[in-house]
C-alpha atoms as a PDB file:
ATOM      1  CA  UNK A   1      -1.298 167.644  67.431  1.00  0.00           C
ATOM      2  CA  UNK A   2       1.737 168.022  65.137  1.00  0.00           C
ATOM      3  CA  UNK A   3       4.404 165.340  65.383  1.00  0.00           C
ATOM      4  CA  UNK A   4       8.098 166.073  65.996  1.00  0.00           C
ATOM      5  CA  UNK A   5      10.351 166.007  62.961  1.00  0.00           C
ATOM      6  CA  UNK A   6      11.643 162.551  62.044  1.00  0.00           C
ATOM      7  CA  UNK A   7      13.369 161.279  58.908  1.00  0.00           C
ATOM      8  CA  UNK A   8      12.460 157.938  57.414  1.00  0.00           C
ATOM      9  CA  UNK A   9      15.944 156.592  56.737  1.00  0.00           C
ATOM     10  CA  UNK A  10      19.533 157.707  56.987  1.00  0.00           C
ATOM     11  CA  UNK A  11      20.418 158.403  53.392  1.00  0.00           C
ATOM     12  CA  UNK A  12      22.379 161.263  51.887  1.00  0.00           C
ATOM     13  CA  UNK A  13      21.795 164.949  52.630  1.00  0.00           C
ATOM     14  CA  UNK A  14      21.651 166.896  49.363  1.00  0.00           C
ATOM     15  CA  UNK A  15      22.310 170.646  49.488  1.00  0.00           C
ATOM     16  CA  UNK A  16      21.538 172.951  46.558  1.00  0.00           C
ATOM     17  CA  UNK A  17      22.939 176.444  46.095  1.00  0.00           C
ATOM     18  CA  UNK A  18      25.584 178.668  44.570  1.00  0.00           C
ATOM     19  CA  UNK A  19      29.254 178.111  45.293  1.00  0.00           C
ATOM     20  CA  UNK A  20      31.016 181.460  45.677  1.00  0.00           C
ATOM     21  CA  UNK A  21      34.393 182.851  46.544  1.00  0.00           C
ATOM     22  CA  UNK A  22      34.423 185.263  49.496  1.00  0.00           C
ATOM     23  CA  UNK A  23      37.128 187.909  49.197  1.00  0.00           C
ATOM     24  CA  UNK A  24      37.850 189.806  52.404  1.00  0.00           C
ATOM     25  CA  UNK A  25      39.763 193.093  52.212  1.00  0.00           C
ATOM     26  CA  UNK A  26      40.819 194.540  55.536  1.00  0.00           C
ATOM     27  CA  UNK A  27      39.039 197.644  56.774  1.00  0.00           C
ATOM     28  CA  UNK A  28      42.200 199.757  56.875  1.00  0.00           C
ATOM     29  CA  UNK A  29      43.152 199.155  53.237  1.00  0.00           C
ATOM     30  CA  UNK A  30      46.405 197.258  53.812  1.00  0.00           C
ATOM     31  CA  UNK A  31      45.401 194.888  50.997  1.00  0.00           C
ATOM     32  CA  UNK A  32      46.290 197.674  48.563  1.00  0.00           C
ATOM     33  CA  UNK A  33      49.858 197.883  49.880  1.00  0.00           C
ATOM     34  CA  UNK A  34      50.334 194.145  50.286  1.00  0.00           C
ATOM     35  CA  UNK A  35      48.745 193.193  46.930  1.00  0.00           C
ATOM     36  CA  UNK A  36      46.888 190.331  48.593  1.00  0.00           C
ATOM     37  CA  UNK A  37      43.337 189.320  49.451  1.00  0.00           C
ATOM     38  CA  UNK A  38      42.304 186.592  51.865  1.00  0.00           C
ATOM     39  CA  UNK A  39      39.708 184.439  50.113  1.00  0.00           C
ATOM     40  CA  UNK A  40      37.453 181.565  51.160  1.00  0.00           C
ATOM     41  CA  UNK A  41      35.262 179.038  49.372  1.00  0.00           C
ATOM     42  CA  UNK A  42      31.751 180.100  50.278  1.00  0.00           C
ATOM     43  CA  UNK A  43      28.040 179.602  49.801  1.00  0.00           C
ATOM     44  CA  UNK A  44      25.392 179.105  52.473  1.00  0.00           C
ATOM     45  CA  UNK A  45      24.329 175.650  51.340  1.00  0.00           C
ATOM     46  CA  UNK A  46      27.912 174.521  50.723  1.00  0.00           C
ATOM     47  CA  UNK A  47      28.756 175.547  54.290  1.00  0.00           C
ATOM     48  CA  UNK A  48      26.036 173.173  55.480  1.00  0.00           C
ATOM     49  CA  UNK A  49      27.315 170.327  53.297  1.00  0.00           C
ATOM     50  CA  UNK A  50      30.912 170.883  54.473  1.00  0.00           C
ATOM     51  CA  UNK A  51      29.936 170.718  58.137  1.00  0.00           C
ATOM     52  CA  UNK A  52      27.860 167.577  57.640  1.00  0.00           C
ATOM     53  CA  UNK A  53      30.667 165.832  55.744  1.00  0.00           C
ATOM     54  CA  UNK A  54      33.087 166.751  58.542  1.00  0.00           C
ATOM     55  CA  UNK A  55      30.612 165.222  60.995  1.00  0.00           C
ATOM     56  CA  UNK A  56      30.455 161.970  58.964  1.00  0.00           C
ATOM     57  CA  UNK A  57      26.989 162.534  57.519  1.00  0.00           C
ATOM     58  CA  UNK A  58      26.853 161.538  53.829  1.00  0.00           C
ATOM     59  CA  UNK A  59      26.663 164.888  52.026  1.00  0.00           C
ATOM     60  CA  UNK A  60      26.069 165.692  48.378  1.00  0.00           C
ATOM     61  CA  UNK A  61      26.144 169.152  46.819  1.00  0.00           C
ATOM     62  CA  UNK A  62      24.644 170.388  43.589  1.00  0.00           C
ATOM     63  CA  UNK A  63      25.623 173.651  41.950  1.00  0.00           C
ATOM     64  CA  UNK A  64      26.788 174.993  38.589  1.00  0.00           C
ATOM     65  CA  UNK A  65      30.359 176.039  37.821  1.00  0.00           C
ATOM     66  CA  UNK A  66      32.154 177.216  34.684  1.00  0.00           C
ATOM     67  CA  UNK A  67      34.040 174.428  32.945  1.00  0.00           C
ATOM     68  CA  UNK A  68      37.616 175.492  33.614  1.00  0.00           C
ATOM     69  CA  UNK A  69      40.683 174.505  35.590  1.00  0.00           C
ATOM     70  CA  UNK A  70      39.887 176.563  38.656  1.00  0.00           C
ATOM     71  CA  UNK A  71      36.454 174.963  38.988  1.00  0.00           C
ATOM     72  CA  UNK A  72      38.030 171.519  38.710  1.00  0.00           C
ATOM     73  CA  UNK A  73      40.491 172.402  41.467  1.00  0.00           C
ATOM     74  CA  UNK A  74      37.642 173.527  43.719  1.00  0.00           C
ATOM     75  CA  UNK A  75      35.671 170.338  43.057  1.00  0.00           C
ATOM     76  CA  UNK A  76      38.711 168.176  43.822  1.00  0.00           C
ATOM     77  CA  UNK A  77      39.336 170.127  47.032  1.00  0.00           C
ATOM     78  CA  UNK A  78      35.743 169.614  48.222  1.00  0.00           C
ATOM     79  CA  UNK A  79      35.733 165.937  47.257  1.00  0.00           C
ATOM     80  CA  UNK A  80      38.750 165.485  49.527  1.00  0.00           C
ATOM     81  CA  UNK A  81      36.508 166.812  52.303  1.00  0.00           C
ATOM     82  CA  UNK A  82      34.137 163.883  51.636  1.00  0.00           C
ATOM     83  CA  UNK A  83      31.448 165.909  49.809  1.00  0.00           C
ATOM     84  CA  UNK A  84      29.908 164.116  46.823  1.00  0.00           C
ATOM     85  CA  UNK A  85      30.355 166.672  44.017  1.00  0.00           C
ATOM     86  CA  UNK A  86      29.184 164.385  41.203  1.00  0.00           C
ATOM     87  CA  UNK A  87      25.972 166.405  40.603  1.00  0.00           C
ATOM     88  CA  UNK A  88      27.881 169.595  39.686  1.00  0.00           C
ATOM     89  CA  UNK A  89      26.830 171.048  36.341  1.00  0.00           C
ATOM     90  CA  UNK A  90      29.656 172.556  34.296  1.00  0.00           C
ATOM     91  CA  UNK A  91      28.310 175.423  32.234  1.00  0.00           C
ATOM     92  CA  UNK A  92      28.498 179.185  31.805  1.00  0.00           C
ATOM     93  CA  UNK A  93      31.553 181.384  31.979  1.00  0.00           C
ATOM     94  CA  UNK A  94      32.063 182.658  35.513  1.00  0.00           C
ATOM     95  CA  UNK A  95      32.095 181.884  39.208  1.00  0.00           C
ATOM     96  CA  UNK A  96      30.137 184.124  41.558  1.00  0.00           C
ATOM     97  CA  UNK A  97      32.037 186.307  44.023  1.00  0.00           C
ATOM     98  CA  UNK A  98      31.287 188.435  47.008  1.00  0.00           C
ATOM     99  CA  UNK A  99      33.454 190.917  48.836  1.00  0.00           C
ATOM    100  CA  UNK A 100      33.081 191.320  52.586  1.00  0.00           C
ATOM    101  CA  UNK A 101      35.249 193.538  54.740  1.00  0.00           C
ATOM    102  CA  UNK A 102      37.081 191.375  57.265  1.00  0.00           C
ATOM    103  CA  UNK A 103      35.151 190.859  60.494  1.00  0.00           C
ATOM    104  CA  UNK A 104      31.985 192.581  59.297  1.00  0.00           C
ATOM    105  CA  UNK A 105      28.372 191.426  58.979  1.00  0.00           C
ATOM    106  CA  UNK A 106      26.635 190.598  55.700  1.00  0.00           C
ATOM    107  CA  UNK A 107      25.062 194.028  55.518  1.00  0.00           C
ATOM    108  CA  UNK A 108      25.646 197.686  54.713  1.00  0.00           C
ATOM    109  CA  UNK A 109      28.662 198.784  52.650  1.00  0.00           C
ATOM    110  CA  UNK A 110      30.841 195.976  54.000  1.00  0.00           C
ATOM    111  CA  UNK A 111      29.165 193.594  51.519  1.00  0.00           C
ATOM    112  CA  UNK A 112      29.495 193.767  47.725  1.00  0.00           C
ATOM    113  CA  UNK A 113      28.040 191.051  45.479  1.00  0.00           C
ATOM    114  CA  UNK A 114      29.600 190.204  42.118  1.00  0.00           C
ATOM    115  CA  UNK A 115      27.521 187.257  40.997  1.00  0.00           C
ATOM    116  CA  UNK A 116      25.477 188.522  38.025  1.00  0.00           C
ATOM    117  CA  UNK A 117      25.584 186.142  35.042  1.00  0.00           C
ATOM    118  CA  UNK A 118      27.350 183.476  37.065  1.00  0.00           C
ATOM    119  CA  UNK A 119      27.107 179.846  35.986  1.00  0.00           C
ATOM    120  CA  UNK A 120      24.642 179.141  38.789  1.00  0.00           C
ATOM    121  CA  UNK A 121      22.428 182.155  38.104  1.00  0.00           C
ATOM    122  CA  UNK A 122      21.987 180.972  34.513  1.00  0.00           C
ATOM    123  CA  UNK A 123      20.382 177.674  35.552  1.00  0.00           C
ATOM    124  CA  UNK A 124      16.822 177.192  34.367  1.00  0.00           C
ATOM    125  CA  UNK A 125      13.951 174.822  35.234  1.00  0.00           C
ATOM    126  CA  UNK A 126      14.287 171.524  33.418  1.00  0.00           C
ATOM    127  CA  UNK A 127      18.087 171.523  33.443  1.00  0.00           C
ATOM    128  CA  UNK A 128      18.466 169.191  36.441  1.00  0.00           C
ATOM    129  CA  UNK A 129      17.201 165.610  36.582  1.00  0.00           C
ATOM    130  CA  UNK A 130      15.856 165.777  40.122  1.00  0.00           C
ATOM    131  CA  UNK A 131      14.626 162.175  40.112  1.00  0.00           C
ATOM    132  CA  UNK A 132      18.201 161.066  39.494  1.00  0.00           C
ATOM    133  CA  UNK A 133      19.726 163.494  41.999  1.00  0.00           C
ATOM    134  CA  UNK A 134      17.365 162.401  44.770  1.00  0.00           C
ATOM    135  CA  UNK A 135      18.319 158.709  44.520  1.00  0.00           C
ATOM    136  CA  UNK A 136      19.461 157.600  47.972  1.00  0.00           C
ATOM    137  CA  UNK A 137      18.698 161.022  49.468  1.00  0.00           C
ATOM    138  CA  UNK A 138      16.768 161.373  52.735  1.00  0.00           C
ATOM    139  CA  UNK A 139      17.174 165.124  53.267  1.00  0.00           C
ATOM    140  CA  UNK A 140      17.176 168.135  50.919  1.00  0.00           C
ATOM    141  CA  UNK A 141      18.430 171.557  52.003  1.00  0.00           C
ATOM    142  CA  UNK A 142      18.277 174.958  50.327  1.00  0.00           C
ATOM    143  CA  UNK A 143      18.152 178.554  51.489  1.00  0.00           C
ATOM    144  CA  UNK A 144      16.260 181.733  50.666  1.00  0.00           C
ATOM    145  CA  UNK A 145      19.397 183.043  48.952  1.00  0.00           C
ATOM    146  CA  UNK A 146      18.676 180.832  45.915  1.00  0.00           C
ATOM    147  CA  UNK A 147      15.229 182.203  44.960  1.00  0.00           C
ATOM    148  CA  UNK A 148      16.506 185.728  45.680  1.00  0.00           C
ATOM    149  CA  UNK A 149      18.742 185.578  42.606  1.00  0.00           C
ATOM    150  CA  UNK A 150      16.180 185.526  39.778  1.00  0.00           C
ATOM    151  CA  UNK A 151      12.833 183.994  38.756  1.00  0.00           C
ATOM    152  CA  UNK A 152      14.440 181.008  37.001  1.00  0.00           C
ATOM    153  CA  UNK A 153      16.287 179.916  40.151  1.00  0.00           C
ATOM    154  CA  UNK A 154      13.131 180.432  42.208  1.00  0.00           C
ATOM    155  CA  UNK A 155      11.200 178.182  39.798  1.00  0.00           C
ATOM    156  CA  UNK A 156      14.045 175.652  39.810  1.00  0.00           C
ATOM    157  CA  UNK A 157      13.818 175.525  43.605  1.00  0.00           C
ATOM    158  CA  UNK A 158      10.096 174.844  43.394  1.00  0.00           C
ATOM    159  CA  UNK A 159      10.735 172.117  40.827  1.00  0.00           C
ATOM    160  CA  UNK A 160      13.168 170.418  43.214  1.00  0.00           C
ATOM    161  CA  UNK A 161      10.872 170.811  46.212  1.00  0.00           C
ATOM    162  CA  UNK A 162       7.911 169.253  44.425  1.00  0.00           C
ATOM    163  CA  UNK A 163       9.937 166.172  43.476  1.00  0.00           C
ATOM    164  CA  UNK A 164      11.527 165.848  46.935  1.00  0.00           C
ATOM    165  CA  UNK A 165       8.137 166.153  48.610  1.00  0.00           C
ATOM    166  CA  UNK A 166       6.646 163.397  46.464  1.00  0.00           C
ATOM    167  CA  UNK A 167       9.535 161.156  47.465  1.00  0.00           C
ATOM    168  CA  UNK A 168       8.915 161.893  51.189  1.00  0.00           C
ATOM    169  CA  UNK A 169      12.365 163.429  51.535  1.00  0.00           C
ATOM    170  CA  UNK A 170      12.770 165.729  54.545  1.00  0.00           C
ATOM    171  CA  UNK A 171      13.208 169.334  53.401  1.00  0.00           C
ATOM    172  CA  UNK A 172      14.835 172.227  55.247  1.00  0.00           C
ATOM    173  CA  UNK A 173      15.122 175.913  54.430  1.00  0.00           C
ATOM    174  CA  UNK A 174      17.175 178.713  55.947  1.00  0.00           C
ATOM    175  CA  UNK A 175      15.276 182.011  55.774  1.00  0.00           C
ATOM    176  CA  UNK A 176      18.438 184.055  55.335  1.00  0.00           C
ATOM    177  CA  UNK A 177      17.310 187.413  53.977  1.00  0.00           C
ATOM    178  CA  UNK A 178      19.690 189.361  51.728  1.00  0.00           C
ATOM    179  CA  UNK A 179      18.131 192.676  50.675  1.00  0.00           C
ATOM    180  CA  UNK A 180      20.811 193.306  48.045  1.00  0.00           C
ATOM    181  CA  UNK A 181      19.778 190.150  46.166  1.00  0.00           C
ATOM    182  CA  UNK A 182      16.014 190.625  45.872  1.00  0.00           C
ATOM    183  CA  UNK A 183      16.244 192.936  42.868  1.00  0.00           C
ATOM    184  CA  UNK A 184      14.190 191.337  40.095  1.00  0.00           C
ATOM    185  CA  UNK A 185      10.803 192.907  40.788  1.00  0.00           C
ATOM    186  CA  UNK A 186       9.431 190.523  43.401  1.00  0.00           C
ATOM    187  CA  UNK A 187       9.745 190.854  47.143  1.00  0.00           C
ATOM    188  CA  UNK A 188      10.721 187.914  49.320  1.00  0.00           C
ATOM    189  CA  UNK A 189       7.228 187.637  50.815  1.00  0.00           C
ATOM    190  CA  UNK A 190       5.817 187.173  47.291  1.00  0.00           C
ATOM    191  CA  UNK A 191       8.077 184.201  46.539  1.00  0.00           C
ATOM    192  CA  UNK A 192       9.019 182.364  49.720  1.00  0.00           C
ATOM    193  CA  UNK A 193       5.601 181.179  50.977  1.00  0.00           C
ATOM    194  CA  UNK A 194       5.156 179.109  47.813  1.00  0.00           C
ATOM    195  CA  UNK A 195       8.458 177.349  48.565  1.00  0.00           C
ATOM    196  CA  UNK A 196       8.206 177.136  52.349  1.00  0.00           C
ATOM    197  CA  UNK A 197       4.965 175.140  52.069  1.00  0.00           C
ATOM    198  CA  UNK A 198       7.080 172.115  51.087  1.00  0.00           C
ATOM    199  CA  UNK A 199       9.428 172.334  54.067  1.00  0.00           C
ATOM    200  CA  UNK A 200       9.607 170.127  57.165  1.00  0.00           C
ATOM    201  CA  UNK A 201      12.157 172.308  58.986  1.00  0.00           C
ATOM    202  CA  UNK A 202      12.155 176.107  58.771  1.00  0.00           C
ATOM    203  CA  UNK A 203      15.065 177.990  60.298  1.00  0.00           C
ATOM    204  CA  UNK A 204      15.650 181.707  60.619  1.00  0.00           C
ATOM    205  CA  UNK A 205      14.641 184.342  63.127  1.00  0.00           C
ATOM    206  CA  UNK A 206      11.538 186.331  63.964  1.00  0.00           C
ATOM    207  CA  UNK A 207      12.622 189.217  61.738  1.00  0.00           C
ATOM    208  CA  UNK A 208      13.131 186.948  58.737  1.00  0.00           C
ATOM    209  CA  UNK A 209       9.688 185.396  59.282  1.00  0.00           C
ATOM    210  CA  UNK A 210       8.237 188.899  59.253  1.00  0.00           C
ATOM    211  CA  UNK A 211      10.119 189.952  56.116  1.00  0.00           C
ATOM    212  CA  UNK A 212       9.766 186.737  54.119  1.00  0.00           C
ATOM    213  CA  UNK A 213       6.547 185.103  55.311  1.00  0.00           C
ATOM    214  CA  UNK A 214       4.539 188.118  56.459  1.00  0.00           C
ATOM    215  CA  UNK A 215       4.328 186.863  60.051  1.00  0.00           C
ATOM    216  CA  UNK A 216       4.626 190.090  62.054  1.00  0.00           C
ATOM    217  CA  UNK A 217       6.636 190.702  65.184  1.00  0.00           C
ATOM    218  CA  UNK A 218       5.816 193.365  67.739  1.00  0.00           C
ATOM    219  CA  UNK A 219       7.083 196.852  66.831  1.00  0.00           C
ATOM    220  CA  UNK A 220      10.510 197.885  68.115  1.00  0.00           C
ATOM    221  CA  UNK A 221      11.285 194.368  69.355  1.00  0.00           C
ATOM    222  CA  UNK A 222      14.928 194.754  68.372  1.00  0.00           C
ATOM    223  CA  UNK A 223      15.312 197.677  70.745  1.00  0.00           C
ATOM    224  CA  UNK A 224      13.775 195.864  73.719  1.00  0.00           C
ATOM    225  CA  UNK A 225      16.924 194.009  74.718  1.00  0.00           C
ATOM    226  CA  UNK A 226      14.835 191.613  76.800  1.00  0.00           C
ATOM    227  CA  UNK A 227      15.418 187.917  76.247  1.00  0.00           C
ATOM    228  CA  UNK A 228      11.959 187.055  77.610  1.00  0.00           C
ATOM    229  CA  UNK A 229      10.353 189.156  74.861  1.00  0.00           C
ATOM    230  CA  UNK A 230      12.484 187.574  72.139  1.00  0.00           C
ATOM    231  CA  UNK A 231      11.581 184.080  73.363  1.00  0.00           C
ATOM    232  CA  UNK A 232       7.898 184.969  73.525  1.00  0.00           C
ATOM    233  CA  UNK A 233       8.006 186.230  69.941  1.00  0.00           C
ATOM    234  CA  UNK A 234       9.922 183.143  68.822  1.00  0.00           C
ATOM    235  CA  UNK A 235       7.211 180.914  70.273  1.00  0.00           C
ATOM    236  CA  UNK A 236       4.435 182.972  68.703  1.00  0.00           C
ATOM    237  CA  UNK A 237       6.146 183.040  65.311  1.00  0.00           C
ATOM    238  CA  UNK A 238       6.870 179.295  65.451  1.00  0.00           C
ATOM    239  CA  UNK A 239       3.261 178.458  66.253  1.00  0.00           C
ATOM    240  CA  UNK A 240       2.041 180.660  63.418  1.00  0.00           C
ATOM    241  CA  UNK A 241       4.427 179.068  60.925  1.00  0.00           C
ATOM    242  CA  UNK A 242       3.233 175.584  61.908  1.00  0.00           C
ATOM    243  CA  UNK A 243      -0.352 176.793  61.557  1.00  0.00           C
ATOM    244  CA  UNK A 244       0.163 178.345  58.127  1.00  0.00           C
ATOM    245  CA  UNK A 245       2.415 175.590  56.755  1.00  0.00           C
ATOM    246  CA  UNK A 246       1.006 172.221  57.883  1.00  0.00           C
ATOM    247  CA  UNK A 247       3.861 170.205  56.358  1.00  0.00           C
ATOM    248  CA  UNK A 248       6.334 171.946  58.672  1.00  0.00           C
ATOM    249  CA  UNK A 249       7.229 169.900  61.742  1.00  0.00           C
ATOM    250  CA  UNK A 250       9.952 172.063  63.305  1.00  0.00           C
ATOM    251  CA  UNK A 251      10.811 175.763  63.480  1.00  0.00           C
ATOM    252  CA  UNK A 252      14.146 177.081  64.738  1.00  0.00           C
ATOM    253  CA  UNK A 253      15.112 180.655  65.583  1.00  0.00           C
ATOM    254  CA  UNK A 254      18.558 182.059  66.289  1.00  0.00           C
ATOM    255  CA  UNK A 255      19.449 185.177  68.264  1.00  0.00           C
ATOM    256  CA  UNK A 256      22.832 186.885  68.222  1.00  0.00           C
ATOM    257  CA  UNK A 257      23.309 190.286  69.800  1.00  0.00           C
ATOM    258  CA  UNK A 258      26.536 192.233  69.464  1.00  0.00           C
ATOM    259  CA  UNK A 259      26.933 194.697  72.306  1.00  0.00           C
ATOM    260  CA  UNK A 260      30.061 196.781  72.794  1.00  0.00           C
ATOM    261  CA  UNK A 261      31.456 194.543  75.496  1.00  0.00           C
ATOM    262  CA  UNK A 262      29.697 191.213  74.888  1.00  0.00           C
ATOM    263  CA  UNK A 263      28.310 188.973  72.149  1.00  0.00           C
ATOM    264  CA  UNK A 264      25.366 186.813  73.213  1.00  0.00           C
ATOM    265  CA  UNK A 265      24.044 183.828  71.274  1.00  0.00           C
ATOM    266  CA  UNK A 266      21.102 181.497  71.874  1.00  0.00           C
ATOM    267  CA  UNK A 267      18.426 179.717  69.855  1.00  0.00           C
ATOM    268  CA  UNK A 268      15.007 178.104  70.054  1.00  0.00           C
ATOM    269  CA  UNK A 269      13.317 175.066  68.545  1.00  0.00           C
ATOM    270  CA  UNK A 270       9.599 174.346  68.310  1.00  0.00           C
ATOM    271  CA  UNK A 271       8.604 170.801  67.394  1.00  0.00           C
ATOM    272  CA  UNK A 272       5.883 168.378  68.518  1.00  0.00           C
ATOM    273  CA  UNK A 273       4.058 171.376  70.051  1.00  0.00           C
ATOM    274  CA  UNK A 274       6.902 171.842  72.534  1.00  0.00           C
ATOM    275  CA  UNK A 275       9.167 174.876  72.753  1.00  0.00           C
ATOM    276  CA  UNK A 276      12.842 174.467  73.595  1.00  0.00           C
ATOM    277  CA  UNK A 277      15.460 177.100  74.428  1.00  0.00           C
ATOM    278  CA  UNK A 278      19.174 176.462  74.009  1.00  0.00           C
ATOM    279  CA  UNK A 279      21.987 177.232  76.375  1.00  0.00           C
ATOM    280  CA  UNK A 280      23.125 180.853  76.123  1.00  0.00           C
ATOM    281  CA  UNK A 281      26.691 181.457  74.976  1.00  0.00           C
ATOM    282  CA  UNK A 282      28.621 184.678  75.604  1.00  0.00           C
ATOM    283  CA  UNK A 283      31.979 186.067  74.551  1.00  0.00           C
ATOM    284  CA  UNK A 284      33.784 189.380  74.402  1.00  0.00           C
ATOM    285  CA  UNK A 285      35.485 188.762  71.044  1.00  0.00           C
ATOM    286  CA  UNK A 286      34.691 186.928  67.815  1.00  0.00           C
ATOM    287  CA  UNK A 287      36.759 186.308  64.673  1.00  0.00           C
ATOM    288  CA  UNK A 288      34.229 185.969  61.864  1.00  0.00           C
ATOM    289  CA  UNK A 289      30.445 186.272  61.726  1.00  0.00           C
ATOM    290  CA  UNK A 290      29.986 184.558  58.357  1.00  0.00           C
ATOM    291  CA  UNK A 291      28.632 181.017  58.285  1.00  0.00           C
ATOM    292  CA  UNK A 292      27.422 180.788  61.875  1.00  0.00           C
ATOM    293  CA  UNK A 293      23.800 180.363  60.783  1.00  0.00           C
ATOM    294  CA  UNK A 294      24.811 177.729  58.237  1.00  0.00           C
ATOM    295  CA  UNK A 295      26.624 175.852  60.981  1.00  0.00           C
ATOM    296  CA  UNK A 296      23.495 176.040  63.136  1.00  0.00           C
ATOM    297  CA  UNK A 297      21.462 174.613  60.266  1.00  0.00           C
ATOM    298  CA  UNK A 298      23.947 171.775  59.825  1.00  0.00           C
ATOM    299  CA  UNK A 299      23.764 171.126  63.562  1.00  0.00           C
ATOM    300  CA  UNK A 300      19.999 170.763  63.412  1.00  0.00           C
ATOM    301  CA  UNK A 301      20.236 168.327  60.514  1.00  0.00           C
ATOM    302  CA  UNK A 302      22.955 166.385  62.355  1.00  0.00           C
ATOM    303  CA  UNK A 303      20.793 166.097  65.455  1.00  0.00           C
ATOM    304  CA  UNK A 304      17.639 165.024  63.653  1.00  0.00           C
ATOM    305  CA  UNK A 305      19.616 162.668  61.427  1.00  0.00           C
ATOM    306  CA  UNK A 306      21.086 160.938  64.476  1.00  0.00           C
ATOM    307  CA  UNK A 307      17.733 160.874  66.266  1.00  0.00           C
ATOM    308  CA  UNK A 308      18.823 163.130  69.124  1.00  0.00           C
ATOM    309  CA  UNK A 309      16.027 164.392  71.316  1.00  0.00           C
ATOM    310  CA  UNK A 310      14.950 167.970  70.415  1.00  0.00           C
ATOM    311  CA  UNK A 311      16.745 169.624  73.332  1.00  0.00           C
ATOM    312  CA  UNK A 312      20.007 167.855  72.526  1.00  0.00           C
ATOM    313  CA  UNK A 313      19.620 168.681  68.838  1.00  0.00           C
ATOM    314  CA  UNK A 314      19.101 172.355  69.629  1.00  0.00           C
ATOM    315  CA  UNK A 315      22.013 172.604  72.054  1.00  0.00           C
ATOM    316  CA  UNK A 316      24.347 170.863  69.614  1.00  0.00           C
ATOM    317  CA  UNK A 317      23.333 173.233  66.818  1.00  0.00           C
ATOM    318  CA  UNK A 318      23.727 176.306  69.028  1.00  0.00           C
ATOM    319  CA  UNK A 319      27.114 175.149  70.303  1.00  0.00           C
ATOM    320  CA  UNK A 320      28.319 174.487  66.741  1.00  0.00           C
ATOM    321  CA  UNK A 321      27.106 177.918  65.596  1.00  0.00           C
ATOM    322  CA  UNK A 322      28.717 179.711  68.521  1.00  0.00           C
ATOM    323  CA  UNK A 323      32.069 177.955  68.064  1.00  0.00           C
ATOM    324  CA  UNK A 324      31.984 178.893  64.368  1.00  0.00           C
ATOM    325  CA  UNK A 325      32.287 182.571  65.407  1.00  0.00           C
ATOM    326  CA  UNK A 326      35.948 181.912  66.274  1.00  0.00           C
ATOM    327  CA  UNK A 327      36.883 180.440  62.867  1.00  0.00           C
ATOM    328  CA  UNK A 328      38.152 182.645  60.025  1.00  0.00           C
ATOM    329  CA  UNK A 329      36.772 180.631  57.111  1.00  0.00           C
ATOM    330  CA  UNK A 330      33.101 180.290  56.130  1.00  0.00           C
ATOM    331  CA  UNK A 331      32.848 176.732  57.411  1.00  0.00           C
ATOM    332  CA  UNK A 332      33.461 174.977  60.696  1.00  0.00           C
ATOM    333  CA  UNK A 333      36.508 172.771  61.260  1.00  0.00           C
ATOM    334  CA  UNK A 334      35.461 171.351  64.633  1.00  0.00           C
ATOM    335  CA  UNK A 335      34.558 167.629  64.669  1.00  0.00           C
ATOM    336  CA  UNK A 336      31.176 166.616  66.071  1.00  0.00           C
ATOM    337  CA  UNK A 337      32.852 164.591  68.808  1.00  0.00           C
ATOM    338  CA  UNK A 338      34.649 167.684  70.088  1.00  0.00           C
ATOM    339  CA  UNK A 339      31.444 169.714  70.084  1.00  0.00           C
ATOM    340  CA  UNK A 340      29.570 166.991  71.933  1.00  0.00           C
ATOM    341  CA  UNK A 341      32.374 166.769  74.482  1.00  0.00           C
ATOM    342  CA  UNK A 342      32.175 170.524  75.129  1.00  0.00           C
ATOM    343  CA  UNK A 343      28.407 170.355  75.304  1.00  0.00           C
ATOM    344  CA  UNK A 344      28.446 167.599  77.896  1.00  0.00           C
ATOM    345  CA  UNK A 345      31.328 168.925  79.997  1.00  0.00           C
END
């Protein structure tokens, strides 16, 4: 019988990934007349670190930035949000960008990446002293976006995971699949299993598990529209992940469906051979879809870090992710106390 996920001590949560700027032109093209772009500090792993710091969990973030004034301003801004930015490597010549039409999903023509030759993408194995960076750390988080960039970053991830695993640090991964990033000759399912084997918590959805881990879902599941079928597949996928990756102690799946008149959101968690389903949240209007999954991931870490029971952990994470849909920026600004109050009301 597999044990539920527990962490040994309450140290720092270290997140590793690329810091980006998200630039959001409006769909109608008014940005051309107004000569202005809304922009947001972005990056999946940074979104997790920002939420955790807001929720008073010690958070540290490691990335690479060009050594210039703008980078220093960004670092100072994030340090004021209680994120430990001391591990940042200053190198290279540019900051990664992505353009996303306001209010749209991270898919289709609404998304344009401009992150080739960024400071982060030029990192190589051996450039980070992981033993030093993991001092005082009890949790390490990364996402599938990192190894999607190039082979060097994929190998750097594996380097970090091997060291973290030896130190008995809890490891989480978000299986966020970005088809526009996997362009260097290897598919996600050829790279991710070798990284996922180190992880204690695997988060994503049944489609990501199919695409990235080769764990199939039933054909045409997306068209079924039946929650019972989605939950059944989530349980099956979770059990198979635990079976294939013995180090994994918890699997979480998120479901968000955007119908014409309603947006529905719910999630599942499988740990200790028990399957939990979150509350379902519904709305008729959302502000921004970016960062909801990152907020869910942060919510899971927050719950496990504070030794919540699995059901409470899941409901907190789902509530945090749902509330993020009404926030314009990439990160949440809602304190944990407020989320817990809503959850318990």
